[in-house]
C-alpha atoms as a PDB file:
ATOM      1  CA  MET A   1     -72.608  41.091 -25.585  1.00  0.00           C
ATOM      2  CA  ASP A   2     -74.468  40.285 -22.398  1.00  0.00           C
ATOM      3  CA  PHE A   3     -77.124  37.547 -22.772  1.00  0.00           C
ATOM      4  CA  LYS A   4     -79.820  39.873 -21.370  1.00  0.00           C
ATOM      5  CA  ASP A   5     -78.947  42.524 -23.944  1.00  0.00           C
ATOM      6  CA  ARG A   6     -80.346  40.085 -26.570  1.00  0.00           C
ATOM      7  CA  LEU A   7     -83.717  39.825 -24.915  1.00  0.00           C
ATOM      8  CA  LYS A   8     -86.841  41.810 -25.948  1.00  0.00           C
ATOM      9  CA  PHE A   9     -89.294  42.171 -23.118  1.00  0.00           C
ATOM     10  CA  ASP A  10     -92.777  43.236 -23.919  1.00  0.00           C
ATOM     11  CA  ASP A  11     -94.315  46.637 -22.895  1.00  0.00           C
ATOM     12  CA  GLN A  12     -94.963  45.389 -19.487  1.00  0.00           C
ATOM     13  CA  GLY A  13     -91.361  44.218 -19.008  1.00  0.00           C
ATOM     14  CA  LEU A  14     -92.130  40.497 -19.435  1.00  0.00           C
ATOM     15  CA  ILE A  15     -90.888  37.691 -21.668  1.00  0.00           C
ATOM     16  CA  PRO A  16     -92.501  34.162 -22.060  1.00  0.00           C
ATOM     17  CA  ALA A  17     -90.467  31.302 -20.841  1.00  0.00           C
ATOM     18  CA  VAL A  18     -91.003  27.804 -22.153  1.00  0.00           C
ATOM     19  CA  VAL A  19     -89.826  25.146 -19.497  1.00  0.00           C
ATOM     20  CA  GLN A  20     -88.540  22.024 -21.020  1.00  0.00           C
ATOM     21  CA  ASP A  21     -87.352  18.797 -19.287  1.00  0.00           C
ATOM     22  CA  ALA A  22     -83.630  18.694 -19.951  1.00  0.00           C
ATOM     23  CA  VAL A  23     -83.552  14.876 -20.375  1.00  0.00           C
ATOM     24  CA  SER A  24     -86.868  13.930 -22.110  1.00  0.00           C
ATOM     25  CA  GLY A  25     -87.318  17.155 -24.072  1.00  0.00           C
ATOM     26  CA  ASP A  26     -91.035  17.292 -22.825  1.00  0.00           C
ATOM     27  CA  VAL A  27     -92.372  20.782 -22.523  1.00  0.00           C
ATOM     28  CA  LEU A  28     -93.324  21.152 -18.773  1.00  0.00           C
ATOM     29  CA  MET A  29     -94.919  24.552 -18.679  1.00  0.00           C
ATOM     30  CA  VAL A  30     -94.957  28.176 -19.994  1.00  0.00           C
ATOM     31  CA  ALA A  31     -94.613  31.152 -17.527  1.00  0.00           C
ATOM     32  CA  TRP A  32     -93.607  34.822 -17.672  1.00  0.00           C
ATOM     33  CA  MET A  33     -90.376  36.269 -16.524  1.00  0.00           C
ATOM     34  CA  ASN A  34     -89.167  39.878 -15.997  1.00  0.00           C
ATOM     35  CA  GLY A  35     -85.613  41.005 -15.670  1.00  0.00           C
ATOM     36  CA  ALA A  36     -85.439  40.538 -11.923  1.00  0.00           C
ATOM     37  CA  SER A  37     -86.916  36.820 -12.038  1.00  0.00           C
ATOM     38  CA  LEU A  38     -84.504  35.970 -14.817  1.00  0.00           C
ATOM     39  CA  GLU A  39     -81.611  37.271 -12.806  1.00  0.00           C
ATOM     40  CA  LYS A  40     -82.835  35.312  -9.676  1.00  0.00           C
ATOM     41  CA  THR A  41     -83.066  32.262 -11.826  1.00  0.00           C
ATOM     42  CA  LEU A  42     -79.557  32.682 -13.208  1.00  0.00           C
ATOM     43  CA  GLU A  43     -78.174  33.414  -9.651  1.00  0.00           C
ATOM     44  CA  THR A  44     -79.897  30.508  -7.842  1.00  0.00           C
ATOM     45  CA  GLY A  45     -79.970  27.865 -10.479  1.00  0.00           C
ATOM     46  CA  GLU A  46     -83.686  27.282  -9.960  1.00  0.00           C
ATOM     47  CA  THR A  47     -86.546  28.799 -11.728  1.00  0.00           C
ATOM     48  CA  TRP A  48     -88.307  32.115 -10.671  1.00  0.00           C
ATOM     49  CA  PHE A  49     -91.113  33.732 -12.431  1.00  0.00           C
ATOM     50  CA  TRP A  50     -93.489  36.721 -12.506  1.00  0.00           C
ATOM     51  CA  SER A  51     -97.089  36.022 -11.766  1.00  0.00           C
ATOM     52  CA  ARG A  52     -99.305  38.259 -13.832  1.00  0.00           C
ATOM     53  CA  SER A  53    -102.368  37.402 -11.767  1.00  0.00           C
ATOM     54  CA  ARG A  54    -100.794  37.830  -8.364  1.00  0.00           C
ATOM     55  CA  GLN A  55     -98.458  40.568  -9.451  1.00  0.00           C
ATOM     56  CA  ARG A  56     -95.537  38.999  -7.553  1.00  0.00           C
ATOM     57  CA  PHE A  57     -92.407  36.887  -7.908  1.00  0.00           C
ATOM     58  CA  TRP A  58     -92.745  33.145  -7.417  1.00  0.00           C
ATOM     59  CA  HIS A  59     -90.311  30.374  -7.030  1.00  0.00           C
ATOM     60  CA  LYS A  60     -91.327  27.170  -8.740  1.00  0.00           C
ATOM     61  CA  GLY A  61     -91.811  24.732  -6.004  1.00  0.00           C
ATOM     62  CA  GLU A  62     -92.272  27.212  -3.204  1.00  0.00           C
ATOM     63  CA  SER A  63     -95.492  25.474  -2.071  1.00  0.00           C
ATOM     64  CA  SER A  64     -95.064  21.961  -3.362  1.00  0.00           C
ATOM     65  CA  GLY A  65     -91.340  21.487  -3.116  1.00  0.00           C
ATOM     66  CA  HIS A  66     -91.342  20.549  -6.813  1.00  0.00           C
ATOM     67  CA  VAL A  67     -88.491  22.742  -7.808  1.00  0.00           C
ATOM     68  CA  GLN A  68     -86.784  23.077 -11.264  1.00  0.00           C
ATOM     69  CA  ARG A  69     -83.083  23.057 -11.381  1.00  0.00           C
ATOM     70  CA  VAL A  70     -81.822  24.911 -14.376  1.00  0.00           C
ATOM     71  CA  SER A  71     -79.548  23.116 -16.809  1.00  0.00           C
ATOM     72  CA  GLU A  72     -79.538  25.767 -19.639  1.00  0.00           C
ATOM     73  CA  VAL A  73     -81.088  29.022 -20.497  1.00  0.00           C
ATOM     74  CA  LEU A  74     -81.533  29.859 -24.213  1.00  0.00           C
ATOM     75  CA  CYS A  75     -83.418  32.557 -26.147  1.00  0.00           C
ATOM     76  CA  ASP A  76     -84.892  32.319 -29.599  1.00  0.00           C
ATOM     77  CA  CYS A  77     -83.303  34.136 -32.709  1.00  0.00           C
ATOM     78  CA  ASP A  78     -85.569  37.170 -32.278  1.00  0.00           C
ATOM     79  CA  GLY A  79     -84.799  37.349 -28.395  1.00  0.00           C
ATOM     80  CA  ASP A  80     -88.482  37.435 -27.529  1.00  0.00           C
ATOM     81  CA  THR A  81     -88.897  34.036 -26.039  1.00  0.00           C
ATOM     82  CA  LEU A  82     -86.844  32.048 -23.535  1.00  0.00           C
ATOM     83  CA  LEU A  83     -86.259  28.179 -23.450  1.00  0.00           C
ATOM     84  CA  ILE A  84     -85.309  27.084 -19.879  1.00  0.00           C
ATOM     85  CA  LYS A  85     -84.178  23.450 -19.718  1.00  0.00           C
ATOM     86  CA  VAL A  86     -84.561  22.039 -16.319  1.00  0.00           C
ATOM     87  CA  GLU A  87     -84.358  18.905 -14.100  1.00  0.00           C
ATOM     88  CA  GLN A  88     -87.786  18.757 -12.601  1.00  0.00           C
ATOM     89  CA  ALA A  89     -88.351  17.544  -9.044  1.00  0.00           C
ATOM     90  CA  GLY A  90     -91.818  15.964  -8.637  1.00  0.00           C
ATOM     91  CA  ALA A  91     -94.296  17.456 -11.139  1.00  0.00           C
ATOM     92  CA  ALA A  92     -94.440  20.746 -13.019  1.00  0.00           C
ATOM     93  CA  CYS A  93     -98.236  21.154 -12.968  1.00  0.00           C
ATOM     94  CA  HIS A  94    -100.201  22.315  -9.931  1.00  0.00           C
ATOM     95  CA  GLU A  95    -102.968  19.762 -10.926  1.00  0.00           C
ATOM     96  CA  GLY A  96    -100.370  16.993 -10.135  1.00  0.00           C
ATOM     97  CA  TYR A  97     -99.421  15.975 -13.594  1.00  0.00           C
ATOM     98  CA  PRO A  98     -95.714  15.849 -14.803  1.00  0.00           C
ATOM     99  CA  SER A  99     -96.427  18.462 -17.451  1.00  0.00           C
ATOM    100  CA  CYS A 100     -98.972  21.273 -17.615  1.00  0.00           C
ATOM    101  CA  PHE A 101     -99.715  20.077 -21.142  1.00  0.00           C
ATOM    102  CA  HIS A 102    -101.883  17.053 -20.252  1.00  0.00           C
ATOM    103  CA  TYR A 103    -105.076  17.799 -22.035  1.00  0.00           C
ATOM    104  CA  ARG A 104    -105.378  16.711 -25.561  1.00  0.00           C
ATOM    105  CA  GLU A 105    -108.001  17.370 -28.294  1.00  0.00           C
ATOM    106  CA  LYS A 106    -109.761  14.258 -29.343  1.00  0.00           C
ATOM    107  CA  ASP A 107    -112.605  14.180 -31.894  1.00  0.00           C
ATOM    108  CA  GLY A 108    -113.728  17.669 -30.842  1.00  0.00           C
ATOM    109  CA  GLY A 109    -113.538  16.846 -27.100  1.00  0.00           C
ATOM    110  CA  VAL A 110    -110.767  16.613 -24.598  1.00  0.00           C
ATOM    111  CA  GLU A 111    -109.052  13.791 -22.970  1.00  0.00           C
ATOM    112  CA  THR A 112    -106.409  13.657 -20.259  1.00  0.00           C
ATOM    113  CA  VAL A 113    -102.960  12.402 -21.105  1.00  0.00           C
ATOM    114  CA  GLY A 114    -100.894  10.590 -18.536  1.00  0.00           C
ATOM    115  CA  ASP A 115    -101.370  10.101 -14.801  1.00  0.00           C
ATOM    116  CA  PRO A 116    -101.000  12.540 -11.922  1.00  0.00           C
ATOM    117  CA  VAL A 117     -97.978  11.940  -9.789  1.00  0.00           C
ATOM    118  CA  PHE A 118     -99.350  13.783  -6.678  1.00  0.00           C
ATOM    119  CA  ASP A 119    -102.724  14.790  -5.198  1.00  0.00           C
ATOM    120  CA  PRO A 120    -103.035  18.526  -5.399  1.00  0.00           C
ATOM    121  CA  GLU A 121    -105.349  18.777  -2.284  1.00  0.00           C
ATOM    122  CA  ALA A 122    -102.716  16.983  -0.269  1.00  0.00           C
ATOM    123  CA  VAL A 123     -99.990  19.532  -1.380  1.00  0.00           C
ATOM    124  CA  TYR A 124    -101.962  22.732  -1.648  1.00  0.00           C
ATOM    125  CA  GLY A 125    -105.196  22.231   0.256  1.00  0.00           C
ATOM    126  CA  ARG A 126    -108.652  22.675  -1.102  1.00  0.00           C
ATOM    127  CA  GLN A 127    -108.539  25.553  -3.757  1.00  0.00           C
END
């Protein structure tokens, strides 16, 4: 059986992809893939996703240079979620943090975990 035959894409042809650091095990980000972005990821060895807001493909690191080199692609037992283990260059988060998961609940409020590794304005300009 082909790997893609195990997968269950939603009614929009998308599947969630959890991206994890292959060494530390930290969850870096969650994004969406369709069949074509998964194929491009498998072909190139770097992550490609489908942007629901921009309605286009995007290559992780296309603006920042912070690409993700794929170590392994797995799916869950139901075939409805991907786990992509990567070697992250730079940071995964567009806010400059290593992981997109850097806000933590604390006593009903929020605190930031960790330190940014780059200045988003220097990389992306004013947004």
